[in-house]
Amino acid sequence: MAGPLRRALRTGGITRTVGQIGWHDLRYTYGSHLAMNRAPLKVVQELMGHATVEMTMRYAHLSPDRRRSAVSVLDHPLASACDFRATCGEGAANHS
């Protein structure tokens, strides 16, 4: 482990029971926290420097309630400009 990282971990009182904490652990934690805080996966991919979004998908499972939040978008009403009844009414008027 590099000197500056070792000093920072010691100062912070951070230990690991098996092995050592390295730069990769910090990188993984960075990506994990982005995913858990619902950063778009494409943005996480760019920030992590991954060549493919498939590599970034390793972090996607960490986002809490991701399935529930994805489906919940269906609970929100459509904007009035997209009101189906208004569109049908206009369409009916144009076809008479």
PDB file of N, CA and C in Angstrom:
ATOM      1  N   MET A   1       0.864  -1.172   0.000  1.00  0.00           N
ATOM      2  CA  MET A   1       0.000   0.000   0.000  1.00  0.00           C
ATOM      3  C   MET A   1       0.903   1.225   0.000  1.00  0.00           C
ATOM      4  N   ALA A   2       0.484   2.228  -0.712  1.00  0.00           N
ATOM      5  CA  ALA A   2       1.263   3.465  -0.830  1.00  0.00           C
ATOM      6  C   ALA A   2       1.299   4.212   0.502  1.00  0.00           C
ATOM      7  N   GLY A   3       2.370   4.960   0.730  1.00  0.00           N
ATOM      8  CA  GLY A   3       2.555   5.715   1.959  1.00  0.00           C
ATOM      9  C   GLY A   3       1.414   6.664   2.293  1.00  0.00           C
ATOM     10  N   PRO A   4       1.010   7.551   1.360  1.00  0.00           N
ATOM     11  CA  PRO A   4      -0.062   8.503   1.691  1.00  0.00           C
ATOM     12  C   PRO A   4      -1.377   7.814   2.059  1.00  0.00           C
ATOM     13  N   LEU A   5      -1.716   6.746   1.367  1.00  0.00           N
ATOM     14  CA  LEU A   5      -2.955   6.025   1.678  1.00  0.00           C
ATOM     15  C   LEU A   5      -2.845   5.372   3.052  1.00  0.00           C
ATOM     16  N   ARG A   6      -1.717   4.758   3.336  1.00  0.00           N
ATOM     17  CA  ARG A   6      -1.505   4.119   4.639  1.00  0.00           C
ATOM     18  C   ARG A   6      -1.643   5.145   5.761  1.00  0.00           C
ATOM     19  N   ARG A   7      -1.042   6.305   5.581  1.00  0.00           N
ATOM     20  CA  ARG A   7      -1.133   7.351   6.607  1.00  0.00           C
ATOM     21  C   ARG A   7      -2.572   7.834   6.781  1.00  0.00           C
ATOM     22  N   ALA A   8      -3.272   8.014   5.681  1.00  0.00           N
ATOM     23  CA  ALA A   8      -4.663   8.479   5.758  1.00  0.00           C
ATOM     24  C   ALA A   8      -5.543   7.460   6.475  1.00  0.00           C
ATOM     25  N   LEU A   9      -5.342   6.186   6.186  1.00  0.00           N
ATOM     26  CA  LEU A   9      -6.129   5.137   6.839  1.00  0.00           C
ATOM     27  C   LEU A   9      -5.809   5.078   8.332  1.00  0.00           C
ATOM     28  N   ARG A  10      -4.543   5.171   8.658  1.00  0.00           N
ATOM     29  CA  ARG A  10      -4.142   5.133  10.065  1.00  0.00           C
ATOM     30  C   ARG A  10      -4.721   6.336  10.808  1.00  0.00           C
ATOM     31  N   THR A  11      -4.655   7.519  10.196  1.00  0.00           N
ATOM     32  CA  THR A  11      -5.189   8.735  10.813  1.00  0.00           C
ATOM     33  C   THR A  11      -6.690   8.618  11.027  1.00  0.00           C
ATOM     34  N   GLY A  12      -7.373   8.025  10.057  1.00  0.00           N
ATOM     35  CA  GLY A  12      -8.821   7.862  10.149  1.00  0.00           C
ATOM     36  C   GLY A  12      -9.248   6.675  10.998  1.00  0.00           C
ATOM     37  N   GLY A  13      -8.290   5.883  11.460  1.00  0.00           N
ATOM     38  CA  GLY A  13      -8.623   4.712  12.264  1.00  0.00           C
ATOM     39  C   GLY A  13      -9.320   3.631  11.459  1.00  0.00           C
ATOM     40  N   ILE A  14      -9.048   3.579  10.165  1.00  0.00           N
ATOM     41  CA  ILE A  14      -9.691   2.612   9.273  1.00  0.00           C
ATOM     42  C   ILE A  14      -8.797   1.389   9.138  1.00  0.00           C
ATOM     43  N   THR A  15      -9.381   0.227   9.414  1.00  0.00           N
ATOM     44  CA  THR A  15      -8.641  -1.027   9.283  1.00  0.00           C
ATOM     45  C   THR A  15      -9.476  -2.029   8.506  1.00  0.00           C
ATOM     46  N   ARG A  16      -8.827  -3.072   8.099  1.00  0.00           N
ATOM     47  CA  ARG A  16      -9.499  -4.159   7.386  1.00  0.00           C
ATOM     48  C   ARG A  16      -9.014  -5.450   8.022  1.00  0.00           C
ATOM     49  N   THR A  17      -9.926  -6.311   8.416  1.00  0.00           N
ATOM     50  CA  THR A  17      -9.533  -7.510   9.146  1.00  0.00           C
ATOM     51  C   THR A  17      -8.748  -8.482   8.283  1.00  0.00           C
ATOM     52  N   VAL A  18      -9.060  -8.577   6.995  1.00  0.00           N
ATOM     53  CA  VAL A  18      -8.349  -9.489   6.105  1.00  0.00           C
ATOM     54  C   VAL A  18      -7.720  -8.665   4.995  1.00  0.00           C
ATOM     55  N   GLY A  19      -6.431  -8.776   4.823  1.00  0.00           N
ATOM     56  CA  GLY A  19      -5.751  -8.044   3.765  1.00  0.00           C
ATOM     57  C   GLY A  19      -5.601  -6.579   4.103  1.00  0.00           C
ATOM     58  N   GLN A  20      -5.400  -5.774   3.088  1.00  0.00           N
ATOM     59  CA  GLN A  20      -5.212  -4.346   3.266  1.00  0.00           C
ATOM     60  C   GLN A  20      -6.164  -3.574   2.364  1.00  0.00           C
ATOM     61  N   ILE A  21      -6.409  -2.347   2.741  1.00  0.00           N
ATOM     62  CA  ILE A  21      -7.228  -1.465   1.911  1.00  0.00           C
ATOM     63  C   ILE A  21      -6.309  -0.793   0.913  1.00  0.00           C
ATOM     64  N   GLY A  22      -6.683  -0.844  -0.353  1.00  0.00           N
ATOM     65  CA  GLY A  22      -5.859  -0.243  -1.401  1.00  0.00           C
ATOM     66  C   GLY A  22      -6.642   0.759  -2.221  1.00  0.00           C
ATOM     67  N   TRP A  23      -5.987   1.304  -3.210  1.00  0.00           N
ATOM     68  CA  TRP A  23      -6.612   2.314  -4.072  1.00  0.00           C
ATOM     69  C   TRP A  23      -7.834   1.752  -4.780  1.00  0.00           C
ATOM     70  N   HIS A  24      -7.785   0.459  -5.143  1.00  0.00           N
ATOM     71  CA  HIS A  24      -8.933  -0.131  -5.832  1.00  0.00           C
ATOM     72  C   HIS A  24     -10.161  -0.148  -4.920  1.00  0.00           C
ATOM     73  N   ASP A  25      -9.954  -0.372  -3.628  1.00  0.00           N
ATOM     74  CA  ASP A  25     -11.072  -0.356  -2.678  1.00  0.00           C
ATOM     75  C   ASP A  25     -11.734   1.023  -2.662  1.00  0.00           C
ATOM     76  N   LEU A  26     -10.901   2.062  -2.699  1.00  0.00           N
ATOM     77  CA  LEU A  26     -11.440   3.427  -2.705  1.00  0.00           C
ATOM     78  C   LEU A  26     -12.198   3.696  -4.000  1.00  0.00           C
ATOM     79  N   ARG A  27     -11.667   3.187  -5.106  1.00  0.00           N
ATOM     80  CA  ARG A  27     -12.333   3.355  -6.406  1.00  0.00           C
ATOM     81  C   ARG A  27     -13.690   2.646  -6.401  1.00  0.00           C
ATOM     82  N   TYR A  28     -13.718   1.424  -5.871  1.00  0.00           N
ATOM     83  CA  TYR A  28     -14.961   0.665  -5.805  1.00  0.00           C
ATOM     84  C   TYR A  28     -15.971   1.381  -4.903  1.00  0.00           C
ATOM     85  N   THR A  29     -15.502   1.909  -3.779  1.00  0.00           N
ATOM     86  CA  THR A  29     -16.379   2.642  -2.868  1.00  0.00           C
ATOM     87  C   THR A  29     -16.959   3.867  -3.552  1.00  0.00           C
ATOM     88  N   TYR A  30     -16.140   4.572  -4.315  1.00  0.00           N
ATOM     89  CA  TYR A  30     -16.577   5.752  -5.071  1.00  0.00           C
ATOM     90  C   TYR A  30     -17.723   5.375  -6.021  1.00  0.00           C
ATOM     91  N   GLY A  31     -17.515   4.333  -6.823  1.00  0.00           N
ATOM     92  CA  GLY A  31     -18.547   3.890  -7.759  1.00  0.00           C
ATOM     93  C   GLY A  31     -19.789   3.388  -7.045  1.00  0.00           C
ATOM     94  N   SER A  32     -19.586   2.688  -5.929  1.00  0.00           N
ATOM     95  CA  SER A  32     -20.711   2.163  -5.162  1.00  0.00           C
ATOM     96  C   SER A  32     -21.582   3.287  -4.615  1.00  0.00           C
ATOM     97  N   HIS A  33     -20.951   4.304  -4.066  1.00  0.00           N
ATOM     98  CA  HIS A  33     -21.715   5.419  -3.508  1.00  0.00           C
ATOM     99  C   HIS A  33     -22.438   6.203  -4.592  1.00  0.00           C
ATOM    100  N   LEU A  34     -21.840   6.321  -5.764  1.00  0.00           N
ATOM    101  CA  LEU A  34     -22.544   6.969  -6.875  1.00  0.00           C
ATOM    102  C   LEU A  34     -23.812   6.182  -7.216  1.00  0.00           C
ATOM    103  N   ALA A  35     -23.681   4.865  -7.330  1.00  0.00           N
ATOM    104  CA  ALA A  35     -24.827   4.016  -7.670  1.00  0.00           C
ATOM    105  C   ALA A  35     -25.884   4.047  -6.577  1.00  0.00           C
ATOM    106  N   MET A  36     -25.470   3.976  -5.313  1.00  0.00           N
ATOM    107  CA  MET A  36     -26.423   3.963  -4.209  1.00  0.00           C
ATOM    108  C   MET A  36     -27.179   5.284  -4.086  1.00  0.00           C
ATOM    109  N   ASN A  37     -26.583   6.338  -4.594  1.00  0.00           N
ATOM    110  CA  ASN A  37     -27.242   7.643  -4.557  1.00  0.00           C
ATOM    111  C   ASN A  37     -27.922   7.971  -5.880  1.00  0.00           C
ATOM    112  N   ARG A  38     -28.152   6.915  -6.670  1.00  0.00           N
ATOM    113  CA  ARG A  38     -28.935   6.987  -7.904  1.00  0.00           C
ATOM    114  C   ARG A  38     -28.340   7.864  -9.001  1.00  0.00           C
ATOM    115  N   ALA A  39     -27.027   7.928  -9.077  1.00  0.00           N
ATOM    116  CA  ALA A  39     -26.413   8.613 -10.210  1.00  0.00           C
ATOM    117  C   ALA A  39     -26.715   7.769 -11.453  1.00  0.00           C
ATOM    118  N   PRO A  40     -27.030   8.406 -12.572  1.00  0.00           N
ATOM    119  CA  PRO A  40     -27.292   7.635 -13.795  1.00  0.00           C
ATOM    120  C   PRO A  40     -26.079   6.758 -14.146  1.00  0.00           C
ATOM    121  N   LEU A  41     -26.339   5.519 -14.549  1.00  0.00           N
ATOM    122  CA  LEU A  41     -25.244   4.593 -14.826  1.00  0.00           C
ATOM    123  C   LEU A  41     -24.311   5.100 -15.915  1.00  0.00           C
ATOM    124  N   LYS A  42     -24.840   5.820 -16.884  1.00  0.00           N
ATOM    125  CA  LYS A  42     -23.979   6.376 -17.938  1.00  0.00           C
ATOM    126  C   LYS A  42     -22.992   7.377 -17.338  1.00  0.00           C
ATOM    127  N   VAL A  43     -23.442   8.161 -16.376  1.00  0.00           N
ATOM    128  CA  VAL A  43     -22.565   9.126 -15.707  1.00  0.00           C
ATOM    129  C   VAL A  43     -21.529   8.377 -14.867  1.00  0.00           C
ATOM    130  N   VAL A  44     -21.955   7.338 -14.146  1.00  0.00           N
ATOM    131  CA  VAL A  44     -21.021   6.537 -13.360  1.00  0.00           C
ATOM    132  C   VAL A  44     -19.971   5.935 -14.287  1.00  0.00           C
ATOM    133  N   GLN A  45     -20.402   5.444 -15.442  1.00  0.00           N
ATOM    134  CA  GLN A  45     -19.475   4.870 -16.420  1.00  0.00           C
ATOM    135  C   GLN A  45     -18.419   5.889 -16.814  1.00  0.00           C
ATOM    136  N   GLU A  46     -18.854   7.100 -17.127  1.00  0.00           N
ATOM    137  CA  GLU A  46     -17.914   8.136 -17.549  1.00  0.00           C
ATOM    138  C   GLU A  46     -16.965   8.517 -16.417  1.00  0.00           C
ATOM    139  N   LEU A  47     -17.498   8.683 -15.203  1.00  0.00           N
ATOM    140  CA  LEU A  47     -16.665   9.074 -14.067  1.00  0.00           C
ATOM    141  C   LEU A  47     -15.653   7.995 -13.687  1.00  0.00           C
ATOM    142  N   MET A  48     -16.056   6.739 -13.832  1.00  0.00           N
ATOM    143  CA  MET A  48     -15.172   5.633 -13.478  1.00  0.00           C
ATOM    144  C   MET A  48     -14.186   5.306 -14.597  1.00  0.00           C
ATOM    145  N   GLY A  49     -14.469   5.806 -15.796  1.00  0.00           N
ATOM    146  CA  GLY A  49     -13.591   5.525 -16.928  1.00  0.00           C
ATOM    147  C   GLY A  49     -13.775   4.141 -17.506  1.00  0.00           C
ATOM    148  N   HIS A  50     -14.956   3.556 -17.294  1.00  0.00           N
ATOM    149  CA  HIS A  50     -15.229   2.230 -17.845  1.00  0.00           C
ATOM    150  C   HIS A  50     -15.476   2.332 -19.350  1.00  0.00           C
ATOM    151  N   ALA A  51     -14.965   1.376 -20.091  1.00  0.00           N
ATOM    152  CA  ALA A  51     -15.145   1.357 -21.539  1.00  0.00           C
ATOM    153  C   ALA A  51     -16.582   1.006 -21.913  1.00  0.00           C
ATOM    154  N   THR A  52     -17.242   0.195 -21.085  1.00  0.00           N
ATOM    155  CA  THR A  52     -18.605  -0.235 -21.396  1.00  0.00           C
ATOM    156  C   THR A  52     -19.509  -0.038 -20.191  1.00  0.00           C
ATOM    157  N   VAL A  53     -20.803   0.129 -20.468  1.00  0.00           N
ATOM    158  CA  VAL A  53     -21.773   0.254 -19.379  1.00  0.00           C
ATOM    159  C   VAL A  53     -21.950  -1.101 -18.681  1.00  0.00           C
ATOM    160  N   GLU A  54     -21.624  -2.195 -19.377  1.00  0.00           N
ATOM    161  CA  GLU A  54     -21.701  -3.518 -18.753  1.00  0.00           C
ATOM    162  C   GLU A  54     -20.758  -3.610 -17.545  1.00  0.00           C
ATOM    163  N   MET A  55     -19.583  -3.023 -17.658  1.00  0.00           N
ATOM    164  CA  MET A  55     -18.653  -3.007 -16.522  1.00  0.00           C
ATOM    165  C   MET A  55     -19.261  -2.207 -15.376  1.00  0.00           C
ATOM    166  N   THR A  56     -19.905  -1.115 -15.691  1.00  0.00           N
ATOM    167  CA  THR A  56     -20.513  -0.253 -14.683  1.00  0.00           C
ATOM    168  C   THR A  56     -21.707  -0.938 -14.025  1.00  0.00           C
ATOM    169  N   MET A  57     -22.362  -1.842 -14.714  1.00  0.00           N
ATOM    170  CA  MET A  57     -23.526  -2.544 -14.170  1.00  0.00           C
ATOM    171  C   MET A  57     -23.171  -3.325 -12.906  1.00  0.00           C
ATOM    172  N   ARG A  58     -21.899  -3.567 -12.655  1.00  0.00           N
ATOM    173  CA  ARG A  58     -21.491  -4.248 -11.424  1.00  0.00           C
ATOM    174  C   ARG A  58     -21.903  -3.449 -10.192  1.00  0.00           C
ATOM    175  N   TYR A  59     -22.086  -2.148 -10.374  1.00  0.00           N
ATOM    176  CA  TYR A  59     -22.457  -1.281  -9.261  1.00  0.00           C
ATOM    177  C   TYR A  59     -23.973  -1.080  -9.167  1.00  0.00           C
ATOM    178  N   ALA A  60     -24.708  -1.408 -10.220  1.00  0.00           N
ATOM    179  CA  ALA A  60     -26.137  -1.109 -10.292  1.00  0.00           C
ATOM    180  C   ALA A  60     -26.942  -1.818  -9.218  1.00  0.00           C
ATOM    181  N   HIS A  61     -26.548  -3.010  -8.838  1.00  0.00           N
ATOM    182  CA  HIS A  61     -27.309  -3.768  -7.838  1.00  0.00           C
ATOM    183  C   HIS A  61     -27.292  -3.097  -6.467  1.00  0.00           C
ATOM    184  N   LEU A  62     -26.403  -2.146  -6.281  1.00  0.00           N
ATOM    185  CA  LEU A  62     -26.275  -1.489  -4.979  1.00  0.00           C
ATOM    186  C   LEU A  62     -27.302  -0.397  -4.761  1.00  0.00           C
ATOM    187  N   SER A  63     -27.919   0.064  -5.835  1.00  0.00           N
ATOM    188  CA  SER A  63     -28.886   1.156  -5.721  1.00  0.00           C
ATOM    189  C   SER A  63     -30.144   0.639  -5.028  1.00  0.00           C
ATOM    190  N   PRO A  64     -30.484   1.202  -3.856  1.00  0.00           N
ATOM    191  CA  PRO A  64     -31.641   0.699  -3.120  1.00  0.00           C
ATOM    192  C   PRO A  64     -32.952   0.967  -3.858  1.00  0.00           C
ATOM    193  N   ASP A  65     -33.814  -0.004  -3.816  1.00  0.00           N
ATOM    194  CA  ASP A  65     -35.154   0.126  -4.400  1.00  0.00           C
ATOM    195  C   ASP A  65     -35.138   0.536  -5.864  1.00  0.00           C
ATOM    196  N   ARG A  66     -34.139   0.126  -6.625  1.00  0.00           N
ATOM    197  CA  ARG A  66     -34.056   0.580  -8.018  1.00  0.00           C
ATOM    198  C   ARG A  66     -35.235   0.096  -8.850  1.00  0.00           C
ATOM    199  N   ARG A  67     -35.705  -1.106  -8.596  1.00  0.00           N
ATOM    200  CA  ARG A  67     -36.851  -1.592  -9.362  1.00  0.00           C
ATOM    201  C   ARG A  67     -38.115  -0.832  -8.987  1.00  0.00           C
ATOM    202  N   ARG A  68     -38.307  -0.640  -7.684  1.00  0.00           N
ATOM    203  CA  ARG A  68     -39.499   0.067  -7.214  1.00  0.00           C
ATOM    204  C   ARG A  68     -39.508   1.501  -7.739  1.00  0.00           C
ATOM    205  N   SER A  69     -38.381   2.172  -7.696  1.00  0.00           N
ATOM    206  CA  SER A  69     -38.351   3.564  -8.157  1.00  0.00           C
ATOM    207  C   SER A  69     -38.537   3.645  -9.669  1.00  0.00           C
ATOM    208  N   ALA A  70     -38.067   2.641 -10.398  1.00  0.00           N
ATOM    209  CA  ALA A  70     -38.258   2.646 -11.841  1.00  0.00           C
ATOM    210  C   ALA A  70     -39.734   2.521 -12.195  1.00  0.00           C
ATOM    211  N   VAL A  71     -40.432   1.641 -11.510  1.00  0.00           N
ATOM    212  CA  VAL A  71     -41.851   1.437 -11.786  1.00  0.00           C
ATOM    213  C   VAL A  71     -42.693   2.594 -11.251  1.00  0.00           C
ATOM    214  N   SER A  72     -42.216   3.265 -10.217  1.00  0.00           N
ATOM    215  CA  SER A  72     -43.002   4.350  -9.620  1.00  0.00           C
ATOM    216  C   SER A  72     -43.196   5.530 -10.564  1.00  0.00           C
ATOM    217  N   VAL A  73     -42.394   5.623 -11.628  1.00  0.00           N
ATOM    218  CA  VAL A  73     -42.605   6.725 -12.579  1.00  0.00           C
ATOM    219  C   VAL A  73     -43.983   6.617 -13.223  1.00  0.00           C
ATOM    220  N   LEU A  74     -44.550   5.416 -13.210  1.00  0.00           N
ATOM    221  CA  LEU A  74     -45.876   5.227 -13.778  1.00  0.00           C
ATOM    222  C   LEU A  74     -46.973   5.784 -12.875  1.00  0.00           C
ATOM    223  N   ASP A  75     -46.637   6.078 -11.621  1.00  0.00           N
ATOM    224  CA  ASP A  75     -47.606   6.628 -10.683  1.00  0.00           C
ATOM    225  C   ASP A  75     -47.847   8.118 -10.890  1.00  0.00           C
ATOM    226  N   HIS A  76     -46.961   8.775 -11.604  1.00  0.00           N
ATOM    227  CA  HIS A  76     -47.075  10.218 -11.808  1.00  0.00           C
ATOM    228  C   HIS A  76     -47.968  10.504 -13.010  1.00  0.00           C
ATOM    229  N   PRO A  77     -48.887  11.451 -12.876  1.00  0.00           N
ATOM    230  CA  PRO A  77     -49.757  11.770 -14.009  1.00  0.00           C
ATOM    231  C   PRO A  77     -48.956  12.409 -15.146  1.00  0.00           C
ATOM    232  N   LEU A  78     -49.450  12.234 -16.332  1.00  0.00           N
ATOM    233  CA  LEU A  78     -48.818  12.860 -17.489  1.00  0.00           C
ATOM    234  C   LEU A  78     -49.053  14.360 -17.441  1.00  0.00           C
ATOM    235  N   ALA A  79     -48.177  15.100 -18.079  1.00  0.00           N
ATOM    236  CA  ALA A  79     -48.346  16.551 -18.151  1.00  0.00           C
ATOM    237  C   ALA A  79     -49.605  16.863 -18.947  1.00  0.00           C
ATOM    238  N   SER A  80     -50.233  18.009 -18.660  1.00  0.00           N
ATOM    239  CA  SER A  80     -51.492  18.353 -19.322  1.00  0.00           C
ATOM    240  C   SER A  80     -51.333  18.450 -20.833  1.00  0.00           C
ATOM    241  N   ALA A  81     -50.147  18.791 -21.309  1.00  0.00           N
ATOM    242  CA  ALA A  81     -49.921  18.877 -22.760  1.00  0.00           C
ATOM    243  C   ALA A  81     -50.029  17.505 -23.406  1.00  0.00           C
ATOM    244  N   CYS A  82     -49.883  16.455 -22.630  1.00  0.00           N
ATOM    245  CA  CYS A  82     -49.953  15.097 -23.155  1.00  0.00           C
ATOM    246  C   CYS A  82     -51.267  14.426 -22.772  1.00  0.00           C
ATOM    247  N   ASP A  83     -52.249  15.205 -22.388  1.00  0.00           N
ATOM    248  CA  ASP A  83     -53.532  14.663 -21.942  1.00  0.00           C
ATOM    249  C   ASP A  83     -54.181  13.901 -23.091  1.00  0.00           C
ATOM    250  N   PHE A  84     -54.402  12.620 -22.869  1.00  0.00           N
ATOM    251  CA  PHE A  84     -54.957  11.743 -23.892  1.00  0.00           C
ATOM    252  C   PHE A  84     -56.358  12.187 -24.313  1.00  0.00           C
ATOM    253  N   ARG A  85     -57.183  12.619 -23.350  1.00  0.00           N
ATOM    254  CA  ARG A  85     -58.548  13.031 -23.677  1.00  0.00           C
ATOM    255  C   ARG A  85     -58.545  14.234 -24.602  1.00  0.00           C
ATOM    256  N   ALA A  86     -57.665  15.177 -24.334  1.00  0.00           N
ATOM    257  CA  ALA A  86     -57.596  16.368 -25.192  1.00  0.00           C
ATOM    258  C   ALA A  86     -57.185  15.968 -26.599  1.00  0.00           C
ATOM    259  N   THR A  87     -56.231  15.037 -26.699  1.00  0.00           N
ATOM    260  CA  THR A  87     -55.766  14.582 -28.005  1.00  0.00           C
ATOM    261  C   THR A  87     -56.884  13.868 -28.738  1.00  0.00           C
ATOM    262  N   CYS A  88     -57.628  13.014 -28.026  1.00  0.00           N
ATOM    263  CA  CYS A  88     -58.738  12.297 -28.658  1.00  0.00           C
ATOM    264  C   CYS A  88     -59.820  13.266 -29.108  1.00  0.00           C
ATOM    265  N   GLY A  89     -60.106  14.243 -28.289  1.00  0.00           N
ATOM    266  CA  GLY A  89     -61.134  15.218 -28.643  1.00  0.00           C
ATOM    267  C   GLY A  89     -60.754  15.997 -29.885  1.00  0.00           C
ATOM    268  N   GLU A  90     -59.503  16.403 -29.979  1.00  0.00           N
ATOM    269  CA  GLU A  90     -59.040  17.145 -31.159  1.00  0.00           C
ATOM    270  C   GLU A  90     -59.086  16.232 -32.388  1.00  0.00           C
ATOM    271  N   GLY A  91     -58.665  14.970 -32.184  1.00  0.00           N
ATOM    272  CA  GLY A  91     -58.659  14.035 -33.297  1.00  0.00           C
ATOM    273  C   GLY A  91     -60.071  13.769 -33.808  1.00  0.00           C
ATOM    274  N   ALA A  92     -61.012  13.641 -32.878  1.00  0.00           N
ATOM    275  CA  ALA A  92     -62.396  13.387 -33.256  1.00  0.00           C
ATOM    276  C   ALA A  92     -62.969  14.575 -34.015  1.00  0.00           C
ATOM    277  N   ALA A  93     -62.617  15.768 -33.580  1.00  0.00           N
ATOM    278  CA  ALA A  93     -63.116  16.965 -34.243  1.00  0.00           C
ATOM    279  C   ALA A  93     -62.561  17.076 -35.646  1.00  0.00           C
ATOM    280  N   ASN A  94     -61.322  16.649 -35.845  1.00  0.00           N
ATOM    281  CA  ASN A  94     -60.687  16.752 -37.154  1.00  0.00           C
ATOM    282  C   ASN A  94     -61.190  15.695 -38.126  1.00  0.00           C
ATOM    283  N   HIS A  95     -61.755  14.635 -37.598  1.00  0.00           N
ATOM    284  CA  HIS A  95     -62.199  13.551 -38.470  1.00  0.00           C
ATOM    285  C   HIS A  95     -63.690  13.622 -38.761  1.00  0.00           C
ATOM    286  N   SER A  96     -64.412  14.599 -38.262  1.00  0.00           N
ATOM    287  CA  SER A  96     -65.836  14.611 -38.513  1.00  0.00           C
ATOM    288  C   SER A  96     -66.173  15.342 -39.779  1.00  0.00           C
TER     289      SER A  96
END
